[in-house]
PDB file of N, CA and C in Angstrom:
ATOM      1  N   UNK A   1     147.967 -46.355  59.036  1.00  0.00           N
ATOM      2  CA  UNK A   1     145.850 -45.765  58.587  1.00  0.00           C
ATOM      3  C   UNK A   1     145.338 -46.264  57.424  1.00  0.00           C
ATOM      4  N   UNK A   2     144.408 -47.284  57.827  1.00  0.00           N
ATOM      5  CA  UNK A   2     143.312 -47.595  56.734  1.00  0.00           C
ATOM      6  C   UNK A   2     142.852 -46.263  55.697  1.00  0.00           C
ATOM      7  N   UNK A   3     142.815 -45.873  54.910  1.00  0.00           N
ATOM      8  CA  UNK A   3     142.370 -45.111  53.783  1.00  0.00           C
ATOM      9  C   UNK A   3     141.241 -45.044  54.167  1.00  0.00           C
ATOM     10  N   UNK A   4     139.838 -43.836  54.113  1.00  0.00           N
ATOM     11  CA  UNK A   4     138.509 -43.992  54.363  1.00  0.00           C
ATOM     12  C   UNK A   4     137.713 -44.633  53.030  1.00  0.00           C
ATOM     13  N   UNK A   5     136.732 -44.983  53.454  1.00  0.00           N
ATOM     14  CA  UNK A   5     135.948 -46.274  52.104  1.00  0.00           C
ATOM     15  C   UNK A   5     135.084 -45.288  51.700  1.00  0.00           C
ATOM     16  N   UNK A   6     134.546 -43.847  52.039  1.00  0.00           N
ATOM     17  CA  UNK A   6     133.789 -43.072  51.517  1.00  0.00           C
ATOM     18  C   UNK A   6     134.207 -42.728  50.535  1.00  0.00           C
ATOM     19  N   UNK A   7     133.620 -42.165  49.373  1.00  0.00           N
ATOM     20  CA  UNK A   7     134.043 -41.666  48.492  1.00  0.00           C
ATOM     21  C   UNK A   7     134.500 -39.798  48.845  1.00  0.00           C
ATOM     22  N   UNK A   8     135.098 -39.683  47.829  1.00  0.00           N
ATOM     23  CA  UNK A   8     135.841 -37.521  48.402  1.00  0.00           C
ATOM     24  C   UNK A   8     134.638 -37.100  48.404  1.00  0.00           C
ATOM     25  N   UNK A   9     134.528 -36.485  49.284  1.00  0.00           N
ATOM     26  CA  UNK A   9     133.242 -35.188  49.827  1.00  0.00           C
ATOM     27  C   UNK A   9     133.498 -34.253  49.131  1.00  0.00           C
ATOM     28  N   UNK A  10     132.270 -33.711  48.074  1.00  0.00           N
ATOM     29  CA  UNK A  10     132.579 -32.342  47.489  1.00  0.00           C
ATOM     30  C   UNK A  10     131.074 -31.743  47.409  1.00  0.00           C
ATOM     31  N   UNK A  11     131.102 -30.200  47.079  1.00  0.00           N
ATOM     32  CA  UNK A  11     129.585 -29.707  46.973  1.00  0.00           C
ATOM     33  C   UNK A  11     128.576 -30.327  46.501  1.00  0.00           C
ATOM     34  N   UNK A  12     128.892 -30.972  45.167  1.00  0.00           N
ATOM     35  CA  UNK A  12     127.572 -31.480  44.026  1.00  0.00           C
ATOM     36  C   UNK A  12     126.848 -32.762  44.980  1.00  0.00           C
ATOM     37  N   UNK A  13     127.685 -33.554  45.961  1.00  0.00           N
ATOM     38  CA  UNK A  13     127.635 -34.784  46.789  1.00  0.00           C
ATOM     39  C   UNK A  13     126.341 -34.295  48.058  1.00  0.00           C
ATOM     40  N   UNK A  14     127.516 -33.197  48.432  1.00  0.00           N
ATOM     41  CA  UNK A  14     126.751 -32.588  49.661  1.00  0.00           C
ATOM     42  C   UNK A  14     125.252 -32.000  49.265  1.00  0.00           C
ATOM     43  N   UNK A  15     125.197 -31.240  47.847  1.00  0.00           N
ATOM     44  CA  UNK A  15     123.840 -30.431  47.749  1.00  0.00           C
ATOM     45  C   UNK A  15     122.749 -31.568  47.489  1.00  0.00           C
ATOM     46  N   UNK A  16     123.430 -32.742  46.862  1.00  0.00           N
ATOM     47  CA  UNK A  16     122.572 -33.963  46.269  1.00  0.00           C
ATOM     48  C   UNK A  16     121.651 -34.511  47.289  1.00  0.00           C
ATOM     49  N   UNK A  17     122.662 -34.552  48.271  1.00  0.00           N
ATOM     50  CA  UNK A  17     122.203 -35.438  49.512  1.00  0.00           C
ATOM     51  C   UNK A  17     120.967 -34.674  50.549  1.00  0.00           C
ATOM     52  N   UNK A  18     121.435 -33.248  50.730  1.00  0.00           N
ATOM     53  CA  UNK A  18     120.809 -32.509  50.960  1.00  0.00           C
ATOM     54  C   UNK A  18     119.095 -32.544  50.366  1.00  0.00           C
ATOM     55  N   UNK A  19     119.147 -32.414  49.500  1.00  0.00           N
ATOM     56  CA  UNK A  19     117.458 -32.019  48.871  1.00  0.00           C
ATOM     57  C   UNK A  19     117.579 -33.516  48.548  1.00  0.00           C
ATOM     58  N   UNK A  20     117.718 -34.434  48.837  1.00  0.00           N
ATOM     59  CA  UNK A  20     117.338 -36.052  48.990  1.00  0.00           C
ATOM     60  C   UNK A  20     116.393 -36.299  50.178  1.00  0.00           C
ATOM     61  N   UNK A  21     117.852 -35.446  51.522  1.00  0.00           N
ATOM     62  CA  UNK A  21     116.747 -35.605  52.801  1.00  0.00           C
ATOM     63  C   UNK A  21     115.802 -34.853  52.941  1.00  0.00           C
ATOM     64  N   UNK A  22     115.413 -33.297  52.083  1.00  0.00           N
ATOM     65  CA  UNK A  22     114.545 -32.259  52.606  1.00  0.00           C
ATOM     66  C   UNK A  22     113.054 -32.961  51.592  1.00  0.00           C
ATOM     67  N   UNK A  23     113.694 -33.354  50.451  1.00  0.00           N
ATOM     68  CA  UNK A  23     112.388 -33.959  49.411  1.00  0.00           C
ATOM     69  C   UNK A  23     111.832 -34.977  50.421  1.00  0.00           C
ATOM     70  N   UNK A  24     112.687 -36.541  51.397  1.00  0.00           N
ATOM     71  CA  UNK A  24     111.822 -37.156  51.899  1.00  0.00           C
ATOM     72  C   UNK A  24     111.526 -36.895  53.759  1.00  0.00           C
ATOM     73  N   UNK A  25     111.819 -36.096  53.678  1.00  0.00           N
ATOM     74  CA  UNK A  25     111.712 -35.540  55.178  1.00  0.00           C
ATOM     75  C   UNK A  25     111.218 -34.182  55.559  1.00  0.00           C
ATOM     76  N   UNK A  26     111.620 -33.340  54.406  1.00  0.00           N
ATOM     77  CA  UNK A  26     110.948 -31.778  54.699  1.00  0.00           C
ATOM     78  C   UNK A  26     112.148 -31.407  55.169  1.00  0.00           C
ATOM     79  N   UNK A  27     112.166 -29.777  55.227  1.00  0.00           N
ATOM     80  CA  UNK A  27     113.223 -28.671  55.552  1.00  0.00           C
ATOM     81  C   UNK A  27     113.107 -28.745  56.983  1.00  0.00           C
ATOM     82  N   UNK A  28     112.703 -29.217  57.991  1.00  0.00           N
ATOM     83  CA  UNK A  28     112.683 -28.842  59.465  1.00  0.00           C
ATOM     84  C   UNK A  28     113.284 -29.958  59.970  1.00  0.00           C
ATOM     85  N   UNK A  29     113.460 -30.971  59.084  1.00  0.00           N
ATOM     86  CA  UNK A  29     114.392 -31.954  59.410  1.00  0.00           C
ATOM     87  C   UNK A  29     115.674 -32.302  58.968  1.00  0.00           C
ATOM     88  N   UNK A  30     116.169 -31.377  57.960  1.00  0.00           N
ATOM     89  CA  UNK A  30     117.310 -31.302  57.624  1.00  0.00           C
ATOM     90  C   UNK A  30     118.483 -30.385  58.617  1.00  0.00           C
ATOM     91  N   UNK A  31     119.431 -30.945  59.145  1.00  0.00           N
ATOM     92  CA  UNK A  31     120.291 -30.409  59.932  1.00  0.00           C
ATOM     93  C   UNK A  31     121.910 -30.845  59.342  1.00  0.00           C
ATOM     94  N   UNK A  32     123.001 -29.813  59.508  1.00  0.00           N
ATOM     95  CA  UNK A  32     124.153 -30.474  58.916  1.00  0.00           C
ATOM     96  C   UNK A  32     124.321 -31.727  59.516  1.00  0.00           C
ATOM     97  N   UNK A  33     123.620 -31.941  61.057  1.00  0.00           N
ATOM     98  CA  UNK A  33     124.515 -33.608  61.721  1.00  0.00           C
ATOM     99  C   UNK A  33     123.567 -34.877  60.720  1.00  0.00           C
ATOM    100  N   UNK A  34     122.627 -34.330  60.808  1.00  0.00           N
ATOM    101  CA  UNK A  34     121.563 -35.560  60.056  1.00  0.00           C
ATOM    102  C   UNK A  34     122.132 -35.574  58.900  1.00  0.00           C
ATOM    103  N   UNK A  35     122.816 -34.866  58.029  1.00  0.00           N
ATOM    104  CA  UNK A  35     123.287 -34.773  56.673  1.00  0.00           C
ATOM    105  C   UNK A  35     124.452 -35.705  56.705  1.00  0.00           C
ATOM    106  N   UNK A  36     125.442 -35.112  57.238  1.00  0.00           N
ATOM    107  CA  UNK A  36     126.490 -35.969  57.826  1.00  0.00           C
ATOM    108  C   UNK A  36     126.918 -36.951  57.842  1.00  0.00           C
ATOM    109  N   UNK A  37     125.538 -37.580  58.752  1.00  0.00           N
ATOM    110  CA  UNK A  37     125.005 -39.044  59.064  1.00  0.00           C
ATOM    111  C   UNK A  37     125.049 -39.715  57.667  1.00  0.00           C
ATOM    112  N   UNK A  38     124.019 -38.938  56.797  1.00  0.00           N
ATOM    113  CA  UNK A  38     123.751 -39.870  55.742  1.00  0.00           C
ATOM    114  C   UNK A  38     124.708 -39.928  55.045  1.00  0.00           C
ATOM    115  N   UNK A  39     125.557 -39.043  54.577  1.00  0.00           N
ATOM    116  CA  UNK A  39     127.015 -38.850  53.929  1.00  0.00           C
ATOM    117  C   UNK A  39     128.006 -39.792  54.227  1.00  0.00           C
ATOM    118  N   UNK A  40     128.152 -40.310  55.849  1.00  0.00           N
ATOM    119  CA  UNK A  40     128.597 -41.009  56.419  1.00  0.00           C
ATOM    120  C   UNK A  40     129.882 -40.251  56.662  1.00  0.00           C
ATOM    121  N   UNK A  41     129.964 -38.870  57.054  1.00  0.00           N
ATOM    122  CA  UNK A  41     131.126 -38.149  57.055  1.00  0.00           C
ATOM    123  C   UNK A  41     130.624 -37.504  58.552  1.00  0.00           C
ATOM    124  N   UNK A  42     131.703 -36.546  59.146  1.00  0.00           N
ATOM    125  CA  UNK A  42     131.319 -35.857  60.583  1.00  0.00           C
ATOM    126  C   UNK A  42     130.828 -34.469  60.125  1.00  0.00           C
ATOM    127  N   UNK A  43     129.959 -33.625  60.930  1.00  0.00           N
ATOM    128  CA  UNK A  43     129.257 -32.730  60.602  1.00  0.00           C
ATOM    129  C   UNK A  43     130.201 -31.902  60.483  1.00  0.00           C
ATOM    130  N   UNK A  44     131.602 -31.591  60.862  1.00  0.00           N
ATOM    131  CA  UNK A  44     132.620 -30.582  61.013  1.00  0.00           C
ATOM    132  C   UNK A  44     133.090 -30.409  59.282  1.00  0.00           C
ATOM    133  N   UNK A  45     133.149 -32.069  58.593  1.00  0.00           N
ATOM    134  CA  UNK A  45     133.714 -31.687  57.310  1.00  0.00           C
ATOM    135  C   UNK A  45     132.587 -31.297  56.467  1.00  0.00           C
ATOM    136  N   UNK A  46     131.290 -30.656  56.354  1.00  0.00           N
ATOM    137  CA  UNK A  46     130.144 -30.571  55.755  1.00  0.00           C
ATOM    138  C   UNK A  46     130.596 -28.779  56.032  1.00  0.00           C
ATOM    139  N   UNK A  47     131.258 -28.492  57.217  1.00  0.00           N
ATOM    140  CA  UNK A  47     131.684 -26.774  57.211  1.00  0.00           C
ATOM    141  C   UNK A  47     132.612 -26.252  56.307  1.00  0.00           C
ATOM    142  N   UNK A  48     133.354 -27.463  55.571  1.00  0.00           N
ATOM    143  CA  UNK A  48     134.714 -26.404  55.174  1.00  0.00           C
ATOM    144  C   UNK A  48     134.084 -26.475  53.724  1.00  0.00           C
ATOM    145  N   UNK A  49     133.164 -27.145  53.354  1.00  0.00           N
ATOM    146  CA  UNK A  49     132.167 -27.006  52.087  1.00  0.00           C
ATOM    147  C   UNK A  49     131.327 -25.767  51.790  1.00  0.00           C
ATOM    148  N   UNK A  50     130.511 -25.890  53.531  1.00  0.00           N
ATOM    149  CA  UNK A  50     129.130 -25.039  53.462  1.00  0.00           C
ATOM    150  C   UNK A  50     129.177 -23.887  55.230  1.00  0.00           C
ATOM    151  N   UNK A  51     129.664 -22.998  54.931  1.00  0.00           N
ATOM    152  CA  UNK A  51     129.483 -22.056  56.130  1.00  0.00           C
ATOM    153  C   UNK A  51     128.614 -22.077  57.062  1.00  0.00           C
ATOM    154  N   UNK A  52     127.270 -22.527  56.550  1.00  0.00           N
ATOM    155  CA  UNK A  52     125.983 -22.639  57.168  1.00  0.00           C
ATOM    156  C   UNK A  52     125.194 -23.153  56.268  1.00  0.00           C
ATOM    157  N   UNK A  53     123.970 -23.991  57.010  1.00  0.00           N
ATOM    158  CA  UNK A  53     122.550 -24.792  56.694  1.00  0.00           C
ATOM    159  C   UNK A  53     122.041 -23.650  55.387  1.00  0.00           C
ATOM    160  N   UNK A  54     121.809 -22.173  55.740  1.00  0.00           N
ATOM    161  CA  UNK A  54     121.187 -21.478  54.891  1.00  0.00           C
ATOM    162  C   UNK A  54     122.101 -21.239  53.333  1.00  0.00           C
ATOM    163  N   UNK A  55     123.582 -21.363  53.397  1.00  0.00           N
ATOM    164  CA  UNK A  55     123.927 -21.023  52.533  1.00  0.00           C
ATOM    165  C   UNK A  55     124.090 -22.637  51.823  1.00  0.00           C
ATOM    166  N   UNK A  56     124.118 -23.663  52.309  1.00  0.00           N
ATOM    167  CA  UNK A  56     123.936 -24.796  51.801  1.00  0.00           C
ATOM    168  C   UNK A  56     122.492 -24.850  50.681  1.00  0.00           C
ATOM    169  N   UNK A  57     121.845 -24.569  51.669  1.00  0.00           N
ATOM    170  CA  UNK A  57     120.155 -24.542  51.231  1.00  0.00           C
ATOM    171  C   UNK A  57     119.911 -23.519  49.647  1.00  0.00           C
ATOM    172  N   UNK A  58     120.842 -22.539  50.075  1.00  0.00           N
ATOM    173  CA  UNK A  58     120.417 -21.445  48.793  1.00  0.00           C
ATOM    174  C   UNK A  58     121.470 -22.267  47.823  1.00  0.00           C
ATOM    175  N   UNK A  59     122.027 -22.899  47.678  1.00  0.00           N
ATOM    176  CA  UNK A  59     123.264 -23.453  46.474  1.00  0.00           C
ATOM    177  C   UNK A  59     122.903 -24.554  45.913  1.00  0.00           C
ATOM    178  N   UNK A  60     121.681 -25.494  46.868  1.00  0.00           N
ATOM    179  CA  UNK A  60     120.457 -26.477  46.627  1.00  0.00           C
ATOM    180  C   UNK A  60     119.448 -25.645  45.571  1.00  0.00           C
ATOM    181  N   UNK A  61     118.861 -24.805  46.271  1.00  0.00           N
ATOM    182  CA  UNK A  61     117.752 -23.887  45.719  1.00  0.00           C
ATOM    183  C   UNK A  61     118.384 -23.160  43.987  1.00  0.00           C
ATOM    184  N   UNK A  62     119.656 -23.124  43.870  1.00  0.00           N
ATOM    185  CA  UNK A  62     120.356 -22.592  42.975  1.00  0.00           C
ATOM    186  C   UNK A  62     120.522 -23.358  42.058  1.00  0.00           C
ATOM    187  N   UNK A  63     120.629 -24.740  42.284  1.00  0.00           N
ATOM    188  CA  UNK A  63     120.985 -25.737  40.942  1.00  0.00           C
ATOM    189  C   UNK A  63     119.433 -26.043  41.182  1.00  0.00           C
ATOM    190  N   UNK A  64     118.497 -26.275  41.707  1.00  0.00           N
ATOM    191  CA  UNK A  64     116.875 -26.200  40.752  1.00  0.00           C
ATOM    192  C   UNK A  64     116.425 -25.441  39.766  1.00  0.00           C
ATOM    193  N   UNK A  65     116.605 -24.029  40.255  1.00  0.00           N
ATOM    194  CA  UNK A  65     116.450 -23.003  39.638  1.00  0.00           C
ATOM    195  C   UNK A  65     117.305 -22.778  38.631  1.00  0.00           C
ATOM    196  N   UNK A  66     118.434 -23.396  38.090  1.00  0.00           N
ATOM    197  CA  UNK A  66     119.858 -23.337  36.991  1.00  0.00           C
ATOM    198  C   UNK A  66     118.902 -24.570  35.959  1.00  0.00           C
ATOM    199  N   UNK A  67     118.165 -25.181  36.607  1.00  0.00           N
ATOM    200  CA  UNK A  67     117.468 -26.065  35.490  1.00  0.00           C
ATOM    201  C   UNK A  67     116.114 -25.601  34.728  1.00  0.00           C
ATOM    202  N   UNK A  68     116.126 -24.621  35.327  1.00  0.00           N
ATOM    203  CA  UNK A  68     114.596 -24.096  34.505  1.00  0.00           C
ATOM    204  C   UNK A  68     114.850 -23.561  33.138  1.00  0.00           C
ATOM    205  N   UNK A  69     114.035 -23.928  32.537  1.00  0.00           N
ATOM    206  CA  UNK A  69     114.008 -23.614  30.994  1.00  0.00           C
ATOM    207  C   UNK A  69     113.697 -21.963  30.489  1.00  0.00           C
ATOM    208  N   UNK A  70     114.955 -21.389  29.907  1.00  0.00           N
ATOM    209  CA  UNK A  70     114.571 -19.940  29.692  1.00  0.00           C
ATOM    210  C   UNK A  70     114.987 -19.694  27.937  1.00  0.00           C
ATOM    211  N   UNK A  71     115.330 -21.491  27.441  1.00  0.00           N
ATOM    212  CA  UNK A  71     115.814 -21.368  25.999  1.00  0.00           C
ATOM    213  C   UNK A  71     114.571 -20.490  24.701  1.00  0.00           C
ATOM    214  N   UNK A  72     113.483 -20.640  25.830  1.00  0.00           N
ATOM    215  CA  UNK A  72     112.253 -20.100  24.880  1.00  0.00           C
ATOM    216  C   UNK A  72     112.362 -18.453  24.360  1.00  0.00           C
ATOM    217  N   UNK A  73     112.804 -17.932  25.401  1.00  0.00           N
ATOM    218  CA  UNK A  73     113.100 -16.304  25.221  1.00  0.00           C
ATOM    219  C   UNK A  73     113.346 -16.226  24.004  1.00  0.00           C
ATOM    220  N   UNK A  74     114.089 -16.850  23.146  1.00  0.00           N
ATOM    221  CA  UNK A  74     114.404 -16.430  22.207  1.00  0.00           C
ATOM    222  C   UNK A  74     113.860 -16.447  20.986  1.00  0.00           C
ATOM    223  N   UNK A  75     112.655 -16.868  21.240  1.00  0.00           N
ATOM    224  CA  UNK A  75     111.190 -16.903  19.929  1.00  0.00           C
ATOM    225  C   UNK A  75     110.561 -16.059  20.676  1.00  0.00           C
ATOM    226  N   UNK A  76     110.908 -15.203  21.262  1.00  0.00           N
ATOM    227  CA  UNK A  76     109.708 -14.053  21.884  1.00  0.00           C
ATOM    228  C   UNK A  76     109.497 -13.953  23.360  1.00  0.00           C
ATOM    229  N   UNK A  77     108.837 -13.015  23.897  1.00  0.00           N
ATOM    230  CA  UNK A  77     108.689 -12.954  25.465  1.00  0.00           C
ATOM    231  C   UNK A  77     107.875 -13.943  25.846  1.00  0.00           C
ATOM    232  N   UNK A  78     106.223 -13.835  25.243  1.00  0.00           N
ATOM    233  CA  UNK A  78     105.146 -14.619  25.276  1.00  0.00           C
ATOM    234  C   UNK A  78     105.752 -16.170  25.378  1.00  0.00           C
ATOM    235  N   UNK A  79     106.262 -16.717  24.381  1.00  0.00           N
ATOM    236  CA  UNK A  79     106.548 -18.615  24.398  1.00  0.00           C
ATOM    237  C   UNK A  79     107.558 -18.343  25.733  1.00  0.00           C
ATOM    238  N   UNK A  80     108.525 -17.029  25.790  1.00  0.00           N
ATOM    239  CA  UNK A  80     109.536 -17.630  26.825  1.00  0.00           C
ATOM    240  C   UNK A  80     108.855 -17.753  27.744  1.00  0.00           C
ATOM    241  N   UNK A  81     107.957 -16.731  28.348  1.00  0.00           N
ATOM    242  CA  UNK A  81     107.149 -16.622  29.731  1.00  0.00           C
ATOM    243  C   UNK A  81     106.726 -18.085  30.112  1.00  0.00           C
ATOM    244  N   UNK A  82     105.680 -18.357  28.832  1.00  0.00           N
ATOM    245  CA  UNK A  82     104.846 -20.101  28.957  1.00  0.00           C
ATOM    246  C   UNK A  82     105.953 -21.182  29.292  1.00  0.00           C
ATOM    247  N   UNK A  83     107.192 -21.105  28.492  1.00  0.00           N
ATOM    248  CA  UNK A  83     107.770 -22.329  29.022  1.00  0.00           C
ATOM    249  C   UNK A  83     108.493 -21.913  30.202  1.00  0.00           C
ATOM    250  N   UNK A  84     109.369 -20.877  30.644  1.00  0.00           N
ATOM    251  CA  UNK A  84     109.451 -20.392  31.755  1.00  0.00           C
ATOM    252  C   UNK A  84     108.703 -20.668  33.115  1.00  0.00           C
ATOM    253  N   UNK A  85     107.558 -20.499  32.931  1.00  0.00           N
ATOM    254  CA  UNK A  85     106.511 -20.784  33.715  1.00  0.00           C
ATOM    255  C   UNK A  85     106.260 -21.860  34.029  1.00  0.00           C
ATOM    256  N   UNK A  86     106.251 -22.875  33.033  1.00  0.00           N
ATOM    257  CA  UNK A  86     105.669 -24.317  33.023  1.00  0.00           C
ATOM    258  C   UNK A  86     107.071 -24.896  33.605  1.00  0.00           C
ATOM    259  N   UNK A  87     108.354 -24.685  33.342  1.00  0.00           N
ATOM    260  CA  UNK A  87     109.489 -24.954  33.618  1.00  0.00           C
ATOM    261  C   UNK A  87     109.605 -25.047  35.324  1.00  0.00           C
ATOM    262  N   UNK A  88     109.199 -23.525  35.749  1.00  0.00           N
ATOM    263  CA  UNK A  88     109.304 -23.239  37.409  1.00  0.00           C
ATOM    264  C   UNK A  88     108.361 -23.993  37.471  1.00  0.00           C
ATOM    265  N   UNK A  89     107.161 -24.209  37.216  1.00  0.00           N
ATOM    266  CA  UNK A  89     105.962 -25.173  37.884  1.00  0.00           C
ATOM    267  C   UNK A  89     106.474 -26.501  38.001  1.00  0.00           C
ATOM    268  N   UNK A  90     106.948 -27.244  37.115  1.00  0.00           N
ATOM    269  CA  UNK A  90     107.779 -28.521  37.406  1.00  0.00           C
ATOM    270  C   UNK A  90     108.805 -28.719  38.158  1.00  0.00           C
ATOM    271  N   UNK A  91     109.710 -27.846  38.278  1.00  0.00           N
ATOM    272  CA  UNK A  91     110.846 -27.646  39.685  1.00  0.00           C
ATOM    273  C   UNK A  91     110.165 -27.954  40.730  1.00  0.00           C
ATOM    274  N   UNK A  92     109.159 -26.486  41.060  1.00  0.00           N
ATOM    275  CA  UNK A  92     108.412 -26.348  42.675  1.00  0.00           C
ATOM    276  C   UNK A  92     107.951 -27.899  42.682  1.00  0.00           C
ATOM    277  N   UNK A  93     106.966 -28.358  41.703  1.00  0.00           N
ATOM    278  CA  UNK A  93     106.197 -29.893  41.952  1.00  0.00           C
ATOM    279  C   UNK A  93     107.228 -30.675  42.312  1.00  0.00           C
ATOM    280  N   UNK A  94     108.383 -30.866  41.216  1.00  0.00           N
ATOM    281  CA  UNK A  94     109.323 -31.899  41.745  1.00  0.00           C
ATOM    282  C   UNK A  94     109.616 -31.812  43.046  1.00  0.00           C
ATOM    283  N   UNK A  95     109.840 -30.638  43.975  1.00  0.00           N
ATOM    284  CA  UNK A  95     110.588 -30.724  45.198  1.00  0.00           C
ATOM    285  C   UNK A  95     109.497 -29.453  45.888  1.00  0.00           C
ATOM    286  N   UNK A  96     108.669 -30.052  46.563  1.00  0.00           N
ATOM    287  CA  UNK A  96     107.796 -29.105  46.967  1.00  0.00           C
ATOM    288  C   UNK A  96     107.941 -28.647  48.711  1.00  0.00           C
ATOM    289  N   UNK A  97     109.013 -29.332  49.190  1.00  0.00           N
ATOM    290  CA  UNK A  97     109.178 -29.096  50.492  1.00  0.00           C
ATOM    291  C   UNK A  97     110.275 -27.836  50.530  1.00  0.00           C
ATOM    292  N   UNK A  98     111.014 -28.114  49.036  1.00  0.00           N
ATOM    293  CA  UNK A  98     111.905 -26.858  48.903  1.00  0.00           C
ATOM    294  C   UNK A  98     111.117 -25.465  49.007  1.00  0.00           C
ATOM    295  N   UNK A  99     110.184 -25.550  48.489  1.00  0.00           N
ATOM    296  CA  UNK A  99     109.486 -24.300  47.768  1.00  0.00           C
ATOM    297  C   UNK A  99     109.563 -22.871  48.944  1.00  0.00           C
ATOM    298  N   UNK A 100     109.886 -23.165  50.613  1.00  0.00           N
ATOM    299  CA  UNK A 100     110.085 -22.205  51.151  1.00  0.00           C
ATOM    300  C   UNK A 100     111.335 -21.463  51.074  1.00  0.00           C
ATOM    301  N   UNK A 101     112.412 -22.256  50.197  1.00  0.00           N
ATOM    302  CA  UNK A 101     113.732 -21.630  49.856  1.00  0.00           C
ATOM    303  C   UNK A 101     113.727 -21.316  48.864  1.00  0.00           C
ATOM    304  N   UNK A 102     113.285 -21.430  47.513  1.00  0.00           N
ATOM    305  CA  UNK A 102     112.866 -21.429  46.199  1.00  0.00           C
ATOM    306  C   UNK A 102     112.182 -20.138  46.001  1.00  0.00           C
ATOM    307  N   UNK A 103     111.189 -19.540  47.174  1.00  0.00           N
ATOM    308  CA  UNK A 103     110.540 -18.523  46.899  1.00  0.00           C
ATOM    309  C   UNK A 103     111.082 -17.680  47.339  1.00  0.00           C
ATOM    310  N   UNK A 104     112.039 -17.236  47.982  1.00  0.00           N
ATOM    311  CA  UNK A 104     112.643 -16.255  48.625  1.00  0.00           C
ATOM    312  C   UNK A 104     113.852 -15.531  47.741  1.00  0.00           C
ATOM    313  N   UNK A 105     113.972 -14.530  47.635  1.00  0.00           N
ATOM    314  CA  UNK A 105     114.846 -14.022  46.752  1.00  0.00           C
ATOM    315  C   UNK A 105     116.313 -13.898  47.964  1.00  0.00           C
ATOM    316  N   UNK A 106     117.316 -14.280  47.413  1.00  0.00           N
ATOM    317  CA  UNK A 106     118.810 -14.378  48.413  1.00  0.00           C
ATOM    318  C   UNK A 106     119.300 -12.872  48.477  1.00  0.00           C
ATOM    319  N   UNK A 107     119.585 -12.258  49.763  1.00  0.00           N
ATOM    320  CA  UNK A 107     120.248 -11.373  50.392  1.00  0.00           C
ATOM    321  C   UNK A 107     120.933 -10.982  49.944  1.00  0.00           C
TER     322      UNK A 107
END
């Protein structure tokens, strides 16, 4: 049996592809089936890594929010809030179609 030519599927690759799909086409166009097609895998293989689309979207949102700069808080709360707000705005502007996911608190 021939080995698959697709690179090993992992969570980081899935999240990156999901973000690219959402950025290009919007949240309503993201489905596990469409994502699987973009990754050249079966939809079932995605569910091994993420139980639901919502779980995947929360992980994508966590990736984006993890990049928000909080380092300026070491200089005090005012510079910290300014830097954080600018960084958060940049993250939201970079991925405007993901804002509905980014704007809700995980349950």
